[in-house]
């Protein structure tokens, strides 16, 4: 009986260690995903600004063509 209890204690300790490793890994991954999300958000706004510039340029081109310049 004592051997089974000792084996269960060892198994429990191993599970606790594995769970702690898993939690540490998850925290690291969440931080990485958060940084990636921030980079994608900045890229999105860069593209929005670029598209706004292109649209403004096209509008000005059409206005100039319409005025015969």
PDB file of N, CA and C in Angstrom:
ATOM      1  N   UNK A   1       0.827  -1.193   0.000  1.00  0.00           N
ATOM      2  CA  UNK A   1       0.000   0.000   0.000  1.00  0.00           C
ATOM      3  C   UNK A   1       0.870   1.256   0.000  1.00  0.00           C
ATOM      4  N   UNK A   2       1.949   1.211   0.769  1.00  0.00           N
ATOM      5  CA  UNK A   2       2.833   2.365   0.864  1.00  0.00           C
ATOM      6  C   UNK A   2       3.501   2.648  -0.483  1.00  0.00           C
ATOM      7  N   UNK A   3       3.790   1.575  -1.214  1.00  0.00           N
ATOM      8  CA  UNK A   3       4.400   1.755  -2.528  1.00  0.00           C
ATOM      9  C   UNK A   3       3.434   2.444  -3.491  1.00  0.00           C
ATOM     10  N   UNK A   4       2.170   2.073  -3.436  1.00  0.00           N
ATOM     11  CA  UNK A   4       1.169   2.692  -4.309  1.00  0.00           C
ATOM     12  C   UNK A   4       0.989   4.170  -3.973  1.00  0.00           C
ATOM     13  N   UNK A   5       1.004   4.486  -2.686  1.00  0.00           N
ATOM     14  CA  UNK A   5       0.876   5.877  -2.258  1.00  0.00           C
ATOM     15  C   UNK A   5       2.084   6.681  -2.733  1.00  0.00           C
ATOM     16  N   UNK A   6       3.274   6.107  -2.600  1.00  0.00           N
ATOM     17  CA  UNK A   6       4.488   6.784  -3.053  1.00  0.00           C
ATOM     18  C   UNK A   6       4.448   6.994  -4.567  1.00  0.00           C
ATOM     19  N   UNK A   7       3.983   5.994  -5.305  1.00  0.00           N
ATOM     20  CA  UNK A   7       3.893   6.106  -6.757  1.00  0.00           C
ATOM     21  C   UNK A   7       2.882   7.187  -7.145  1.00  0.00           C
ATOM     22  N   UNK A   8       1.776   7.241  -6.423  1.00  0.00           N
ATOM     23  CA  UNK A   8       0.780   8.281  -6.694  1.00  0.00           C
ATOM     24  C   UNK A   8       1.318   9.667  -6.382  1.00  0.00           C
ATOM     25  N   UNK A   9       2.098   9.791  -5.324  1.00  0.00           N
ATOM     26  CA  UNK A   9       2.687  11.085  -4.979  1.00  0.00           C
ATOM     27  C   UNK A   9       3.661  11.543  -6.063  1.00  0.00           C
ATOM     28  N   UNK A  10       4.445  10.607  -6.579  1.00  0.00           N
ATOM     29  CA  UNK A  10       5.389  10.933  -7.645  1.00  0.00           C
ATOM     30  C   UNK A  10       4.628  11.339  -8.904  1.00  0.00           C
ATOM     31  N   UNK A  11       3.588  10.598  -9.229  1.00  0.00           N
ATOM     32  CA  UNK A  11       2.791  10.920 -10.410  1.00  0.00           C
ATOM     33  C   UNK A  11       2.139  12.291 -10.267  1.00  0.00           C
ATOM     34  N   UNK A  12       1.642  12.580  -9.082  1.00  0.00           N
ATOM     35  CA  UNK A  12       1.018  13.883  -8.851  1.00  0.00           C
ATOM     36  C   UNK A  12       2.048  15.002  -8.982  1.00  0.00           C
ATOM     37  N   UNK A  13       3.230  14.796  -8.441  1.00  0.00           N
ATOM     38  CA  UNK A  13       4.286  15.813  -8.545  1.00  0.00           C
ATOM     39  C   UNK A  13       4.656  16.047 -10.016  1.00  0.00           C
ATOM     40  N   UNK A  14       4.734  14.972 -10.786  1.00  0.00           N
ATOM     41  CA  UNK A  14       5.044  15.112 -12.209  1.00  0.00           C
ATOM     42  C   UNK A  14       3.945  15.881 -12.937  1.00  0.00           C
ATOM     43  N   UNK A  15       2.695  15.569 -12.620  1.00  0.00           N
ATOM     44  CA  UNK A  15       1.583  16.289 -13.237  1.00  0.00           C
ATOM     45  C   UNK A  15       1.606  17.771 -12.877  1.00  0.00           C
ATOM     46  N   UNK A  16       1.893  18.074 -11.625  1.00  0.00           N
ATOM     47  CA  UNK A  16       1.958  19.474 -11.203  1.00  0.00           C
ATOM     48  C   UNK A  16       3.069  20.214 -11.941  1.00  0.00           C
ATOM     49  N   UNK A  17       4.211  19.542 -12.100  1.00  0.00           N
ATOM     50  CA  UNK A  17       5.323  20.155 -12.824  1.00  0.00           C
ATOM     51  C   UNK A  17       4.965  20.378 -14.294  1.00  0.00           C
ATOM     52  N   UNK A  18       4.320  19.392 -14.906  1.00  0.00           N
ATOM     53  CA  UNK A  18       3.917  19.529 -16.300  1.00  0.00           C
ATOM     54  C   UNK A  18       2.879  20.633 -16.467  1.00  0.00           C
ATOM     55  N   UNK A  19       1.955  20.744 -15.536  1.00  0.00           N
ATOM     56  CA  UNK A  19       0.953  21.805 -15.601  1.00  0.00           C
ATOM     57  C   UNK A  19       1.601  23.179 -15.449  1.00  0.00           C
ATOM     58  N   UNK A  20       2.584  23.283 -14.574  1.00  0.00           N
ATOM     59  CA  UNK A  20       3.286  24.557 -14.407  1.00  0.00           C
ATOM     60  C   UNK A  20       4.033  24.921 -15.684  1.00  0.00           C
ATOM     61  N   UNK A  21       4.684  23.936 -16.295  1.00  0.00           N
ATOM     62  CA  UNK A  21       5.364  24.181 -17.575  1.00  0.00           C
ATOM     63  C   UNK A  21       4.361  24.625 -18.644  1.00  0.00           C
ATOM     64  N   UNK A  22       3.213  23.977 -18.650  1.00  0.00           N
ATOM     65  CA  UNK A  22       2.177  24.322 -19.621  1.00  0.00           C
ATOM     66  C   UNK A  22       1.668  25.748 -19.397  1.00  0.00           C
ATOM     67  N   UNK A  23       1.458  26.125 -18.162  1.00  0.00           N
ATOM     68  CA  UNK A  23       0.999  27.478 -17.853  1.00  0.00           C
ATOM     69  C   UNK A  23       2.047  28.519 -18.247  1.00  0.00           C
ATOM     70  N   UNK A  24       3.309  28.219 -17.987  1.00  0.00           N
ATOM     71  CA  UNK A  24       4.384  29.140 -18.387  1.00  0.00           C
ATOM     72  C   UNK A  24       4.421  29.296 -19.907  1.00  0.00           C
ATOM     73  N   UNK A  25       4.294  28.184 -20.610  1.00  0.00           N
ATOM     74  CA  UNK A  25       4.292  28.219 -22.081  1.00  0.00           C
ATOM     75  C   UNK A  25       3.103  29.034 -22.595  1.00  0.00           C
ATOM     76  N   UNK A  26       1.940  28.831 -21.985  1.00  0.00           N
ATOM     77  CA  UNK A  26       0.741  29.555 -22.406  1.00  0.00           C
ATOM     78  C   UNK A  26       0.900  31.058 -22.189  1.00  0.00           C
ATOM     79  N   UNK A  27       1.475  31.447 -21.071  1.00  0.00           N
ATOM     80  CA  UNK A  27       1.708  32.871 -20.811  1.00  0.00           C
ATOM     81  C   UNK A  27       2.664  33.459 -21.852  1.00  0.00           C
ATOM     82  N   UNK A  28       3.702  32.712 -22.185  1.00  0.00           N
ATOM     83  CA  UNK A  28       4.659  33.170 -23.193  1.00  0.00           C
ATOM     84  C   UNK A  28       3.975  33.312 -24.547  1.00  0.00           C
ATOM     85  N   UNK A  29       3.164  32.326 -24.921  1.00  0.00           N
ATOM     86  CA  UNK A  29       2.473  32.371 -26.200  1.00  0.00           C
ATOM     87  C   UNK A  29       1.470  33.520 -26.245  1.00  0.00           C
ATOM     88  N   UNK A  30       0.765  33.756 -25.148  1.00  0.00           N
ATOM     89  CA  UNK A  30      -0.193  34.861 -25.122  1.00  0.00           C
ATOM     90  C   UNK A  30       0.515  36.191 -25.318  1.00  0.00           C
ATOM     91  N   UNK A  31       1.686  36.354 -24.727  1.00  0.00           N
ATOM     92  CA  UNK A  31       2.454  37.587 -24.919  1.00  0.00           C
ATOM     93  C   UNK A  31       2.889  37.741 -26.361  1.00  0.00           C
ATOM     94  N   UNK A  32       3.316  36.650 -26.967  1.00  0.00           N
ATOM     95  CA  UNK A  32       3.737  36.678 -28.367  1.00  0.00           C
ATOM     96  C   UNK A  32       2.555  37.018 -29.266  1.00  0.00           C
ATOM     97  N   UNK A  33       1.411  36.423 -29.004  1.00  0.00           N
ATOM     98  CA  UNK A  33       0.226  36.704 -29.814  1.00  0.00           C
ATOM     99  C   UNK A  33      -0.218  38.154 -29.653  1.00  0.00           C
ATOM    100  N   UNK A  34      -0.080  38.684 -28.459  1.00  0.00           N
ATOM    101  CA  UNK A  34      -0.462  40.077 -28.237  1.00  0.00           C
ATOM    102  C   UNK A  34       0.449  41.019 -29.025  1.00  0.00           C
ATOM    103  N   UNK A  35       1.747  40.754 -29.031  1.00  0.00           N
ATOM    104  CA  UNK A  35       2.671  41.585 -29.812  1.00  0.00           C
ATOM    105  C   UNK A  35       2.374  41.470 -31.306  1.00  0.00           C
ATOM    106  N   UNK A  36       2.061  40.279 -31.762  1.00  0.00           N
ATOM    107  CA  UNK A  36       1.717  40.074 -33.172  1.00  0.00           C
ATOM    108  C   UNK A  36       0.450  40.840 -33.528  1.00  0.00           C
ATOM    109  N   UNK A  37      -0.527  40.812 -32.650  1.00  0.00           N
ATOM    110  CA  UNK A  37      -1.768  41.545 -32.892  1.00  0.00           C
ATOM    111  C   UNK A  37      -1.503  43.048 -32.988  1.00  0.00           C
ATOM    112  N   UNK A  38      -0.634  43.569 -32.136  1.00  0.00           N
ATOM    113  CA  UNK A  38      -0.295  44.989 -32.186  1.00  0.00           C
ATOM    114  C   UNK A  38       0.388  45.346 -33.505  1.00  0.00           C
ATOM    115  N   UNK A  39       1.284  44.485 -33.973  1.00  0.00           N
ATOM    116  CA  UNK A  39       1.961  44.735 -35.241  1.00  0.00           C
ATOM    117  C   UNK A  39       0.971  44.715 -36.401  1.00  0.00           C
ATOM    118  N   UNK A  40       0.052  43.765 -36.392  1.00  0.00           N
ATOM    119  CA  UNK A  40      -0.943  43.690 -37.456  1.00  0.00           C
ATOM    120  C   UNK A  40      -1.869  44.896 -37.423  1.00  0.00           C
ATOM    121  N   UNK A  41      -2.172  45.375 -36.237  1.00  0.00           N
ATOM    122  CA  UNK A  41      -3.023  46.553 -36.123  1.00  0.00           C
ATOM    123  C   UNK A  41      -2.330  47.779 -36.713  1.00  0.00           C
ATOM    124  N   UNK A  42      -1.040  47.945 -36.410  1.00  0.00           N
ATOM    125  CA  UNK A  42      -0.289  49.063 -37.000  1.00  0.00           C
ATOM    126  C   UNK A  42      -0.227  48.930 -38.514  1.00  0.00           C
ATOM    127  N   UNK A  43      -0.016  47.726 -39.025  1.00  0.00           N
ATOM    128  CA  UNK A  43       0.032  47.483 -40.461  1.00  0.00           C
ATOM    129  C   UNK A  43      -1.314  47.808 -41.106  1.00  0.00           C
ATOM    130  N   UNK A  44      -2.401  47.433 -40.448  1.00  0.00           N
ATOM    131  CA  UNK A  44      -3.736  47.724 -40.955  1.00  0.00           C
ATOM    132  C   UNK A  44      -3.933  49.230 -41.105  1.00  0.00           C
ATOM    133  N   UNK A  45      -3.560  49.988 -40.083  1.00  0.00           N
ATOM    134  CA  UNK A  45      -3.755  51.440 -40.163  1.00  0.00           C
ATOM    135  C   UNK A  45      -2.823  52.069 -41.200  1.00  0.00           C
ATOM    136  N   UNK A  46      -1.653  51.501 -41.398  1.00  0.00           N
ATOM    137  CA  UNK A  46      -0.751  51.972 -42.450  1.00  0.00           C
ATOM    138  C   UNK A  46      -1.406  51.771 -43.815  1.00  0.00           C
ATOM    139  N   UNK A  47      -2.014  50.593 -44.003  1.00  0.00           N
ATOM    140  CA  UNK A  47      -2.703  50.320 -45.266  1.00  0.00           C
ATOM    141  C   UNK A  47      -3.905  51.234 -45.461  1.00  0.00           C
ATOM    142  N   UNK A  48      -4.642  51.516 -44.393  1.00  0.00           N
ATOM    143  CA  UNK A  48      -5.783  52.427 -44.490  1.00  0.00           C
ATOM    144  C   UNK A  48      -5.303  53.807 -44.919  1.00  0.00           C
ATOM    145  N   UNK A  49      -4.225  54.298 -44.336  1.00  0.00           N
ATOM    146  CA  UNK A  49      -3.671  55.594 -44.717  1.00  0.00           C
ATOM    147  C   UNK A  49      -3.201  55.611 -46.151  1.00  0.00           C
ATOM    148  N   UNK A  50      -2.544  54.542 -46.558  1.00  0.00           N
ATOM    149  CA  UNK A  50      -2.070  54.442 -47.938  1.00  0.00           C
ATOM    150  C   UNK A  50      -3.243  54.436 -48.919  1.00  0.00           C
ATOM    151  N   UNK A  51      -4.270  53.683 -48.604  1.00  0.00           N
ATOM    152  CA  UNK A  51      -5.442  53.620 -49.465  1.00  0.00           C
ATOM    153  C   UNK A  51      -6.130  54.985 -49.524  1.00  0.00           C
ATOM    154  N   UNK A  52      -6.175  55.684 -48.414  1.00  0.00           N
ATOM    155  CA  UNK A  52      -6.745  57.030 -48.412  1.00  0.00           C
ATOM    156  C   UNK A  52      -5.973  57.960 -49.327  1.00  0.00           C
ATOM    157  N   UNK A  53      -4.665  57.855 -49.316  1.00  0.00           N
ATOM    158  CA  UNK A  53      -3.837  58.669 -50.202  1.00  0.00           C
ATOM    159  C   UNK A  53      -4.074  58.347 -51.666  1.00  0.00           C
ATOM    160  N   UNK A  54      -4.211  57.078 -51.962  1.00  0.00           N
ATOM    161  CA  UNK A  54      -4.461  56.662 -53.349  1.00  0.00           C
ATOM    162  C   UNK A  54      -5.823  57.180 -53.817  1.00  0.00           C
ATOM    163  N   UNK A  55      -6.818  57.059 -52.970  1.00  0.00           N
ATOM    164  CA  UNK A  55      -8.152  57.538 -53.341  1.00  0.00           C
ATOM    165  C   UNK A  55      -8.141  59.050 -53.542  1.00  0.00           C
ATOM    166  N   UNK A  56      -7.475  59.783 -52.643  1.00  0.00           N
ATOM    167  CA  UNK A  56      -7.386  61.240 -52.800  1.00  0.00           C
ATOM    168  C   UNK A  56      -6.672  61.600 -54.097  1.00  0.00           C
ATOM    169  N   UNK A  57      -5.619  60.874 -54.424  1.00  0.00           N
ATOM    170  CA  UNK A  57      -4.894  61.128 -55.666  1.00  0.00           C
ATOM    171  C   UNK A  57      -5.776  60.879 -56.884  1.00  0.00           C
ATOM    172  N   UNK A  58      -6.545  59.798 -56.859  1.00  0.00           N
ATOM    173  CA  UNK A  58      -7.437  59.506 -57.978  1.00  0.00           C
ATOM    174  C   UNK A  58      -8.522  60.570 -58.122  1.00  0.00           C
ATOM    175  N   UNK A  59      -9.070  61.020 -57.017  1.00  0.00           N
ATOM    176  CA  UNK A  59     -10.094  62.065 -57.067  1.00  0.00           C
ATOM    177  C   UNK A  59      -9.515  63.340 -57.667  1.00  0.00           C
ATOM    178  N   UNK A  60      -8.326  63.716 -57.216  1.00  0.00           N
ATOM    179  CA  UNK A  60      -7.690  64.916 -57.772  1.00  0.00           C
ATOM    180  C   UNK A  60      -7.388  64.758 -59.257  1.00  0.00           C
ATOM    181  N   UNK A  61      -6.984  63.575 -59.661  1.00  0.00           N
ATOM    182  CA  UNK A  61      -6.736  63.311 -61.076  1.00  0.00           C
ATOM    183  C   UNK A  61      -8.012  63.472 -61.891  1.00  0.00           C
ATOM    184  N   UNK A  62      -9.104  62.930 -61.400  1.00  0.00           N
ATOM    185  CA  UNK A  62     -10.379  63.051 -62.103  1.00  0.00           C
ATOM    186  C   UNK A  62     -10.854  64.504 -62.166  1.00  0.00           C
ATOM    187  N   UNK A  63     -10.650  65.245 -61.078  1.00  0.00           N
ATOM    188  CA  UNK A  63     -11.032  66.656 -61.067  1.00  0.00           C
ATOM    189  C   UNK A  63     -10.196  67.419 -62.086  1.00  0.00           C
ATOM    190  N   UNK A  64      -8.904  67.177 -62.125  1.00  0.00           N
ATOM    191  CA  UNK A  64      -8.034  67.846 -63.092  1.00  0.00           C
ATOM    192  C   UNK A  64      -8.412  67.486 -64.524  1.00  0.00           C
ATOM    193  N   UNK A  65      -8.760  66.226 -64.772  1.00  0.00           N
ATOM    194  CA  UNK A  65      -9.179  65.816 -66.107  1.00  0.00           C
ATOM    195  C   UNK A  65     -10.497  66.493 -66.469  1.00  0.00           C
ATOM    196  N   UNK A  66     -11.378  66.613 -65.500  1.00  0.00           N
ATOM    197  CA  UNK A  66     -12.666  67.240 -65.750  1.00  0.00           C
ATOM    198  C   UNK A  66     -12.528  68.729 -66.041  1.00  0.00           C
ATOM    199  N   UNK A  67     -11.545  69.371 -65.443  1.00  0.00           N
ATOM    200  CA  UNK A  67     -11.319  70.797 -65.686  1.00  0.00           C
ATOM    201  C   UNK A  67     -10.489  71.025 -66.943  1.00  0.00           C
ATOM    202  N   UNK A  68     -10.002  69.985 -67.541  1.00  0.00           N
ATOM    203  CA  UNK A  68      -9.237  70.091 -68.775  1.00  0.00           C
ATOM    204  C   UNK A  68      -7.807  70.522 -68.575  1.00  0.00           C
ATOM    205  N   UNK A  69      -7.224  70.239 -67.454  1.00  0.00           N
ATOM    206  CA  UNK A  69      -5.833  70.635 -67.192  1.00  0.00           C
ATOM    207  C   UNK A  69      -4.890  69.577 -67.630  1.00  0.00           C
TER     208      UNK A  69
END
